[in-house]
């Protein structure tokens, strides 16, 4: 019998990276969990406790100054009605913002479920006392390789294995994990497939979109982390895959392609802007295009649809991973053409959302969208409603506890 029924109203604590990583897309990736649980009628708290020093700060700030993180998190929580239901535990100063440390411990003492998204939260004693401790693996194959090699995000901390093992429920965005062609190592754990919840009411299209003047777009990190090594192979990032599709814009008529590319620190070999632009891509400034979570939503609304590659590791491992960002495009009624990681075995491809493996299938998908855009937009919205609605995704997750 499940520990929690869908009719039961419970207390849920969610941990993520909203404050420490205030980029627009990241905010949406994590905030839709507490917002989605709250929409189901549960009593929800967001507690950010990453044990990371503040990374993104205002120019001129002290290295240990978390004020930008706290300011961003507070504004997001207020917008979604969590004014008194959030906390930020700052590793640098040892201070707790939002709720007090005493209040956090009081909440944890009576909480039913702790949801740790992306291995974001170090499980202190108060979190370990919560009966159902749920890990959401949003980075399949990377997480498991790091688990086996005992890598961790911050020096001096216990390895990822101890963190993962401290949970008694393990969910993964690697939805193909139980298939023979999937290369994700199970690590002796019972991984349950799940996917990004999308709170559909926040993704209604706004006026101002004009197909004649918009592009197929995406946002990406060139290389979010260094290459991993597993089974005598290299497991890479998006840069490996994007290079294979440089020439797509020059091959497709009646469509334009724009991309926001963040130069992250996974490699010293950053992209050649000249080379990409010569292939027909418009490279957009990250801060101007989607600098915060509201701009990110407007950016998607003003796009024709999305064309995106996946990280090399997701593709090579046949993980079944599907992008949180792509799910938001679909919810906005924007058709999506995205590289197949095995997800097409779970989510139907061919109307509204299209899987591709090579240049020919990518070109064919774009041309099909252009030739029947309004219908493909309706299909995109239908896919979001059926597969990514937070009410369905999160109810399914809780039903398995």
Protein backbone atom coordinates (compact mmCIF):
# COMPACT_ATOMS: atom_id res chain seq x y z
CA UNK A 1 0.00 0.00 0.00
CA UNK A 2 1.33 3.48 -0.80
CA UNK A 3 2.30 5.59 2.21
CA UNK A 4 0.49 8.62 0.77
CA UNK A 5 -2.82 8.72 -1.06
CA UNK A 6 -3.71 11.39 -3.59
CA UNK A 7 -6.68 12.39 -1.41
CA UNK A 8 -4.48 13.02 1.64
CA UNK A 9 -3.19 16.56 2.30
CA UNK A 10 0.38 16.44 3.55
CA UNK A 11 3.34 18.65 4.47
CA UNK A 12 6.06 18.74 1.81
CA UNK A 13 9.53 20.33 1.92
CA UNK A 14 11.21 21.02 -1.45
CA UNK A 15 14.90 21.79 -2.00
CA UNK A 16 16.45 23.23 -5.15
CA UNK A 17 18.76 25.84 -6.72
CA UNK A 18 16.47 28.87 -7.21
CA UNK A 19 18.50 31.33 -5.13
CA UNK A 20 22.04 30.15 -5.77
CA UNK A 21 21.49 29.91 -9.57
CA UNK A 22 19.07 32.71 -10.50
CA UNK A 23 19.01 32.15 -14.28
CA UNK A 24 15.52 32.31 -15.78
CA UNK A 25 15.21 28.71 -16.91
CA UNK A 26 16.68 27.29 -13.72
CA UNK A 27 14.15 29.24 -11.65
CA UNK A 28 11.28 27.64 -13.59
CA UNK A 29 12.83 24.17 -13.40
CA UNK A 30 12.70 24.23 -9.60
CA UNK A 31 9.82 26.52 -8.68
CA UNK A 32 7.26 24.42 -10.53
CA UNK A 33 7.68 21.68 -7.91
CA UNK A 34 6.53 23.68 -4.85
CA UNK A 35 3.96 25.56 -6.94
CA UNK A 36 2.65 22.29 -8.37
CA UNK A 37 2.43 20.57 -5.00
CA UNK A 38 0.63 23.59 -3.56
CA UNK A 39 -1.88 23.50 -6.44
CA UNK A 40 -2.71 19.93 -5.37
CA UNK A 41 -3.70 21.29 -1.96
CA UNK A 42 -0.62 20.33 0.05
CA UNK A 43 1.18 22.43 2.66
CA UNK A 44 4.49 23.19 0.94
CA UNK A 45 7.76 24.83 2.02
CA UNK A 46 10.79 25.64 -0.11
CA UNK A 47 14.11 25.38 1.76
CA UNK A 48 17.35 26.07 -0.11
CA UNK A 49 20.29 24.49 1.65
CA UNK A 50 22.94 23.67 -0.94
CA UNK A 51 26.02 24.28 1.22
CA UNK A 52 27.45 26.19 -1.75
CA UNK A 53 28.96 29.64 -1.54
CA UNK A 54 27.04 32.25 -3.59
CA UNK A 55 28.15 31.95 -7.21
CA UNK A 56 26.22 34.70 -9.00
CA UNK A 57 26.52 38.09 -7.36
CA UNK A 58 26.11 41.73 -8.23
CA UNK A 59 29.26 43.38 -9.52
CA UNK A 60 31.40 44.61 -6.65
CA UNK A 61 29.88 42.27 -4.08
CA UNK A 62 32.00 40.46 -1.55
CA UNK A 63 32.72 36.81 -2.41
CA UNK A 64 30.68 35.64 0.58
CA UNK A 65 27.76 38.02 -0.01
CA UNK A 66 24.53 36.06 -0.61
CA UNK A 67 22.28 39.13 -0.82
CA UNK A 68 21.61 38.72 -4.56
CA UNK A 69 20.63 35.08 -4.06
CA UNK A 70 18.29 35.95 -1.20
CA UNK A 71 16.77 38.91 -3.05
CA UNK A 72 16.03 36.79 -6.11
CA UNK A 73 14.57 33.90 -4.12
CA UNK A 74 12.42 36.22 -2.00
CA UNK A 75 10.92 37.88 -5.09
CA UNK A 76 10.12 34.53 -6.72
CA UNK A 77 8.56 33.15 -3.56
CA UNK A 78 6.42 36.27 -3.14
CA UNK A 79 5.13 36.07 -6.71
CA UNK A 80 3.97 32.50 -6.21
CA UNK A 81 2.43 33.05 -2.78
CA UNK A 82 5.19 31.51 -0.62
CA UNK A 83 6.06 34.68 1.35
CA UNK A 84 6.22 32.86 4.71
CA UNK A 85 7.08 29.42 3.36
CA UNK A 86 10.71 29.73 2.24
CA UNK A 87 14.22 29.78 3.65
CA UNK A 88 17.74 30.22 2.33
CA UNK A 89 20.50 28.73 4.47
CA UNK A 90 23.71 30.53 3.52
CA UNK A 91 26.91 28.53 3.73
CA UNK A 92 29.13 31.61 3.57
CA UNK A 93 27.74 33.50 6.55
CA UNK A 94 26.03 30.69 8.41
CA UNK A 95 22.87 32.80 8.46
CA UNK A 96 19.35 31.72 7.60
CA UNK A 97 17.12 34.02 5.56
CA UNK A 98 13.35 33.88 5.22
CA UNK A 99 12.28 31.40 7.89
CA UNK A 100 14.50 30.99 10.93
CA UNK A 101 16.55 27.88 11.58
CA UNK A 102 14.27 27.11 14.52
CA UNK A 103 11.23 27.32 12.23
CA UNK A 104 12.88 25.03 9.67
CA UNK A 105 13.50 22.38 12.31
CA UNK A 106 9.93 22.72 13.55
CA UNK A 107 8.58 22.18 10.01
CA UNK A 108 10.84 19.20 9.33
CA UNK A 109 9.76 17.55 12.58
CA UNK A 110 6.21 17.22 11.25
CA UNK A 111 6.82 17.03 7.48
CA UNK A 112 5.73 13.98 5.52
CA UNK A 113 7.88 14.29 2.38
CA UNK A 114 11.20 15.88 1.49
CA UNK A 115 11.78 16.40 -2.26
CA UNK A 116 15.43 16.98 -3.12
CA UNK A 117 15.68 18.14 -6.73
CA UNK A 118 18.97 17.59 -8.58
CA UNK A 119 20.87 16.46 -5.46
CA UNK A 120 20.71 20.11 -4.40
CA UNK A 121 20.34 19.66 -0.65
CA UNK A 122 22.75 18.21 1.86
CA UNK A 123 20.66 16.06 4.19
CA UNK A 124 21.13 17.46 7.65
CA UNK A 125 19.68 15.60 10.63
CA UNK A 126 16.37 17.48 10.45
CA UNK A 127 15.83 16.42 6.82
CA UNK A 128 16.80 12.82 7.57
CA UNK A 129 13.95 12.61 10.09
CA UNK A 130 11.34 13.23 7.38
CA UNK A 131 9.75 9.81 6.60
CA UNK A 132 9.72 9.99 2.76
CA UNK A 133 12.94 11.43 1.33
CA UNK A 134 12.62 11.74 -2.44
CA UNK A 135 15.55 12.35 -4.78
CA UNK A 136 14.77 13.79 -8.22
CA UNK A 137 17.61 12.93 -10.60
CA UNK A 138 17.27 15.61 -13.29
CA UNK A 139 20.66 14.78 -14.82
CA UNK A 140 20.49 11.07 -15.66
CA UNK A 141 23.71 9.23 -16.48
CA UNK A 142 25.76 12.12 -15.08
CA UNK A 143 24.36 11.45 -11.60
CA UNK A 144 25.02 7.72 -11.78
CA UNK A 145 28.56 8.11 -13.15
CA UNK A 146 29.32 10.56 -10.33
CA UNK A 147 27.75 8.15 -7.86
CA UNK A 148 30.04 5.33 -8.98
CA UNK A 149 33.15 7.53 -9.04
CA UNK A 150 32.30 9.27 -5.75
CA UNK A 151 32.45 12.75 -7.22
CA UNK A 152 30.75 15.66 -5.47
CA UNK A 153 29.93 19.27 -6.27
CA UNK A 154 31.99 20.83 -3.46
CA UNK A 155 35.43 19.77 -2.14
CA UNK A 156 35.48 18.26 1.32
CA UNK A 157 31.87 17.09 1.28
CA UNK A 158 30.90 13.41 1.46
CA UNK A 159 30.70 11.81 -1.98
CA UNK A 160 27.55 11.78 -4.05
CA UNK A 161 26.96 8.16 -3.06
CA UNK A 162 26.25 9.05 0.58
CA UNK A 163 23.89 11.83 -0.46
CA UNK A 164 21.94 9.66 -2.89
CA UNK A 165 21.75 6.73 -0.47
CA UNK A 166 20.28 8.95 2.25
CA UNK A 167 17.00 9.03 0.28
CA UNK A 168 14.50 6.19 0.37
CA UNK A 169 12.82 7.02 -2.96
CA UNK A 170 14.77 7.64 -6.17
CA UNK A 171 13.17 9.19 -9.24
CA UNK A 172 14.92 10.02 -12.52
CA UNK A 173 14.29 12.03 -15.68
CA UNK A 174 15.97 9.10 -17.43
CA UNK A 175 12.61 7.62 -18.38
CA UNK A 176 14.19 4.94 -20.57
CA UNK A 177 16.10 3.50 -17.62
CA UNK A 178 14.33 0.14 -17.61
CA UNK A 179 14.87 -0.52 -21.33
CA UNK A 180 17.59 -2.79 -22.70
CA UNK A 181 19.14 -0.03 -24.82
CA UNK A 182 19.54 2.36 -21.88
CA UNK A 183 23.09 2.60 -20.51
CA UNK A 184 22.30 4.27 -17.18
CA UNK A 185 23.84 2.15 -14.39
CA UNK A 186 21.26 1.41 -11.68
CA UNK A 187 23.87 1.56 -8.89
CA UNK A 188 21.84 -0.95 -6.90
CA UNK A 189 18.94 1.50 -6.54
CA UNK A 190 15.31 1.36 -7.62
CA UNK A 191 15.04 4.28 -10.05
CA UNK A 192 11.48 5.30 -10.91
CA UNK A 193 10.87 7.30 -14.10
CA UNK A 194 9.45 10.80 -13.75
CA UNK A 195 9.59 14.07 -15.69
CA UNK A 196 9.46 17.84 -15.28
CA UNK A 197 6.14 19.12 -13.91
CA UNK A 198 4.81 22.19 -15.75
CA UNK A 199 2.27 24.46 -14.05
CA UNK A 200 0.24 25.11 -17.18
CA UNK A 201 -1.57 28.24 -15.96
CA UNK A 202 1.73 30.14 -16.11
CA UNK A 203 2.42 29.18 -19.73
CA UNK A 204 -0.50 30.68 -21.62
CA UNK A 205 0.58 32.43 -24.86
CA UNK A 206 0.56 36.24 -24.79
CA UNK A 207 -0.27 38.68 -27.55
CA UNK A 208 2.52 39.96 -29.75
CA UNK A 209 3.79 36.78 -31.34
CA UNK A 210 4.15 37.00 -35.14
CA UNK A 211 5.25 33.86 -36.97
CA UNK A 212 6.64 35.92 -39.86
CA UNK A 213 9.13 37.68 -37.60
CA UNK A 214 10.03 35.04 -35.05
CA UNK A 215 12.65 32.30 -35.00
CA UNK A 216 13.08 28.76 -33.90
CA UNK A 217 15.05 29.33 -30.72
CA UNK A 218 16.71 27.62 -27.80
CA UNK A 219 18.86 28.43 -24.81
CA UNK A 220 21.91 26.34 -24.02
CA UNK A 221 25.13 26.08 -22.08
CA UNK A 222 28.00 25.41 -24.44
CA UNK A 223 29.54 22.98 -21.97
CA UNK A 224 28.07 22.98 -18.47
CA UNK A 225 30.70 20.70 -16.96
CA UNK A 226 33.89 18.85 -17.76
CA UNK A 227 33.79 15.58 -19.67
CA UNK A 228 33.20 12.52 -17.48
CA UNK A 229 34.90 9.16 -17.99
CA UNK A 230 33.05 5.88 -17.59
CA UNK A 231 33.68 2.41 -19.06
CA UNK A 232 36.74 3.77 -20.88
CA UNK A 233 34.58 6.29 -22.75
CA UNK A 234 34.10 10.05 -22.63
CA UNK A 235 30.66 11.41 -21.71
CA UNK A 236 30.26 14.97 -22.89
CA UNK A 237 28.03 18.01 -23.07
CA UNK A 238 25.98 19.91 -25.66
CA UNK A 239 28.96 21.28 -27.55
CA UNK A 240 29.64 17.79 -28.94
CA UNK A 241 26.14 17.49 -30.40
CA UNK A 242 25.56 21.08 -31.54
CA UNK A 243 28.57 20.92 -33.85
CA UNK A 244 26.87 18.13 -35.80
CA UNK A 245 24.00 20.46 -36.74
CA UNK A 246 25.84 23.71 -37.51
CA UNK A 247 24.61 23.73 -41.09
CA UNK A 248 20.88 23.23 -40.44
CA UNK A 249 19.83 26.90 -40.91
CA UNK A 250 21.43 26.95 -44.36
CA UNK A 251 19.45 23.87 -45.37
CA UNK A 252 15.96 24.99 -44.31
CA UNK A 253 14.05 27.60 -46.31
CA UNK A 254 11.45 29.95 -44.77
CA UNK A 255 12.78 29.58 -41.22
CA UNK A 256 15.27 31.47 -39.08
CA UNK A 257 17.20 30.09 -36.12
CA UNK A 258 18.35 31.96 -33.02
CA UNK A 259 20.25 30.59 -30.05
CA UNK A 260 21.24 31.88 -26.63
CA UNK A 261 24.60 30.34 -25.74
CA UNK A 262 26.12 30.65 -22.28
CA UNK A 263 29.89 30.25 -22.11
CA UNK A 264 30.14 27.98 -19.09
CA UNK A 265 33.30 26.53 -17.64
CA UNK A 266 33.17 22.92 -18.73
CA UNK A 267 35.77 23.38 -21.45
CA UNK A 268 38.46 25.79 -22.58
CA UNK A 269 37.29 25.27 -26.18
CA UNK A 270 34.50 27.84 -26.42
CA UNK A 271 32.38 28.21 -29.52
CA UNK A 272 33.36 30.25 -32.56
CA UNK A 273 30.72 32.95 -32.93
CA UNK A 274 31.83 33.66 -36.49
CA UNK A 275 31.56 30.02 -37.52
CA UNK A 276 28.07 29.62 -36.06
CA UNK A 277 26.79 32.86 -37.55
CA UNK A 278 28.20 31.95 -40.96
CA UNK A 279 26.08 28.81 -40.80
CA UNK A 280 22.96 30.95 -40.44
CA UNK A 281 22.42 31.11 -36.66
CA UNK A 282 21.60 34.33 -34.84
CA UNK A 283 23.49 34.32 -31.54
CA UNK A 284 21.60 36.19 -28.83
CA UNK A 285 22.86 37.79 -25.64
CA UNK A 286 21.81 35.72 -22.58
CA UNK A 287 21.21 38.73 -20.32
CA UNK A 288 19.13 40.63 -22.87
CA UNK A 289 17.12 37.65 -24.13
CA UNK A 290 16.34 35.71 -20.97
CA UNK A 291 18.14 37.34 -18.09
CA UNK A 292 15.51 36.48 -15.50
CA UNK A 293 12.58 34.15 -15.11
CA UNK A 294 10.03 36.60 -16.55
CA UNK A 295 12.22 37.41 -19.56
CA UNK A 296 12.69 33.68 -20.10
CA UNK A 297 8.94 33.17 -20.37
CA UNK A 298 8.61 36.10 -22.80
CA UNK A 299 11.48 34.70 -24.85
CA UNK A 300 9.65 31.41 -25.32
CA UNK A 301 6.36 33.18 -26.07
CA UNK A 302 8.01 35.19 -28.86
CA UNK A 303 9.57 32.12 -30.50
CA UNK A 304 8.16 30.12 -33.41
CA UNK A 305 9.19 26.95 -31.63
CA UNK A 306 12.28 25.24 -30.35
CA UNK A 307 15.12 23.48 -32.13
CA UNK A 308 17.53 21.96 -29.65
CA UNK A 309 20.22 19.34 -29.29
CA UNK A 310 20.70 17.37 -26.07
CA UNK A 311 23.83 16.75 -24.04
CA UNK A 312 26.05 14.11 -25.57
CA UNK A 313 25.73 11.96 -22.45
CA UNK A 314 21.93 11.94 -22.61
CA UNK A 315 22.01 10.89 -26.27
CA UNK A 316 24.80 8.34 -26.02
CA UNK A 317 23.32 6.76 -22.91
CA UNK A 318 19.83 6.45 -24.45
CA UNK A 319 18.54 7.88 -21.19
CA UNK A 320 15.05 8.98 -22.25
CA UNK A 321 15.71 12.45 -20.79
CA UNK A 322 13.46 15.27 -22.02
CA UNK A 323 14.24 18.94 -21.46
CA UNK A 324 12.40 20.96 -18.82
CA UNK A 325 12.76 23.92 -21.16
CA UNK A 326 11.24 22.03 -24.09
CA UNK A 327 8.28 21.09 -21.91
CA UNK A 328 7.67 24.81 -21.30
CA UNK A 329 7.83 25.54 -25.04
CA UNK A 330 5.16 22.88 -25.57
CA UNK A 331 2.98 24.30 -22.80
CA UNK A 332 3.14 27.68 -24.53
CA UNK A 333 1.92 26.02 -27.74
CA UNK A 334 5.33 26.17 -29.40
CA UNK A 335 6.28 23.10 -31.48
CA UNK A 336 9.53 21.45 -30.44
CA UNK A 337 12.19 19.70 -32.54
CA UNK A 338 14.67 18.10 -30.18
CA UNK A 339 17.32 15.43 -30.36
CA UNK A 340 16.19 11.94 -29.45
CA UNK A 341 17.65 10.49 -26.25
CA UNK A 342 15.20 7.62 -26.25
CA UNK A 343 12.35 9.90 -25.12
CA UNK A 344 10.37 9.12 -28.29
CA UNK A 345 9.66 5.67 -26.83
CA UNK A 346 7.70 7.35 -24.01
CA UNK A 347 6.34 10.61 -25.48
CA UNK A 348 4.90 10.31 -29.01
CA UNK A 349 6.93 12.05 -31.71
CA UNK A 350 5.62 13.38 -35.01
CA UNK A 351 2.96 15.97 -34.13
CA UNK A 352 3.74 19.00 -31.96
CA UNK A 353 7.02 17.50 -30.79
CA UNK A 354 9.56 15.84 -33.08
CA UNK A 355 12.55 13.64 -32.33
CA UNK A 356 15.56 13.77 -34.64
CA UNK A 357 18.74 11.74 -34.93
CA UNK A 358 20.37 13.34 -37.96
CA UNK A 359 20.25 16.37 -40.23
CA UNK A 360 17.63 14.87 -42.53
CA UNK A 361 15.08 14.16 -39.78
CA UNK A 362 15.69 17.57 -38.20
CA UNK A 363 15.12 19.36 -41.52
CA UNK A 364 11.99 17.31 -42.23
CA UNK A 365 10.49 18.18 -38.83
CA UNK A 366 11.09 21.93 -39.21
CA UNK A 367 9.54 21.90 -42.68
CA UNK A 368 6.48 20.03 -41.42
CA UNK A 369 5.93 22.61 -38.68
CA UNK A 370 6.25 25.52 -41.12
CA UNK A 371 3.76 24.00 -43.56
CA UNK A 372 1.06 23.58 -40.89
CA UNK A 373 2.03 25.81 -38.01
CA UNK A 374 -1.35 26.41 -36.37
CA UNK A 375 -2.15 22.71 -36.22
CA UNK A 376 1.31 21.88 -34.89
CA UNK A 377 0.88 24.53 -32.21
CA UNK A 378 -2.33 22.84 -31.05
CA UNK A 379 -0.58 19.46 -31.02
CA UNK A 380 2.24 20.95 -28.93
CA UNK A 381 -0.19 22.21 -26.32
CA UNK A 382 -1.96 18.85 -26.26
CA UNK A 383 1.34 17.04 -25.60
CA UNK A 384 2.06 19.38 -22.67
CA UNK A 385 -1.42 18.83 -21.23
CA UNK A 386 -1.14 15.07 -21.48
CA UNK A 387 2.47 14.47 -20.41
CA UNK A 388 3.75 17.46 -18.40
CA UNK A 389 0.78 18.85 -16.47
CA UNK A 390 2.09 19.27 -12.91
CA UNK A 391 -1.17 17.91 -11.48
CA UNK A 392 -0.58 14.61 -13.29
CA UNK A 393 3.20 14.39 -12.87
CA UNK A 394 3.24 15.20 -9.16
CA UNK A 395 0.16 13.15 -8.29
CA UNK A 396 1.83 10.18 -9.97
CA UNK A 397 5.02 10.78 -8.00
CA UNK A 398 3.22 10.98 -4.64
CA UNK A 399 1.16 7.88 -5.44
CA UNK A 400 4.42 5.88 -5.53
CA UNK A 401 5.45 6.79 -1.99
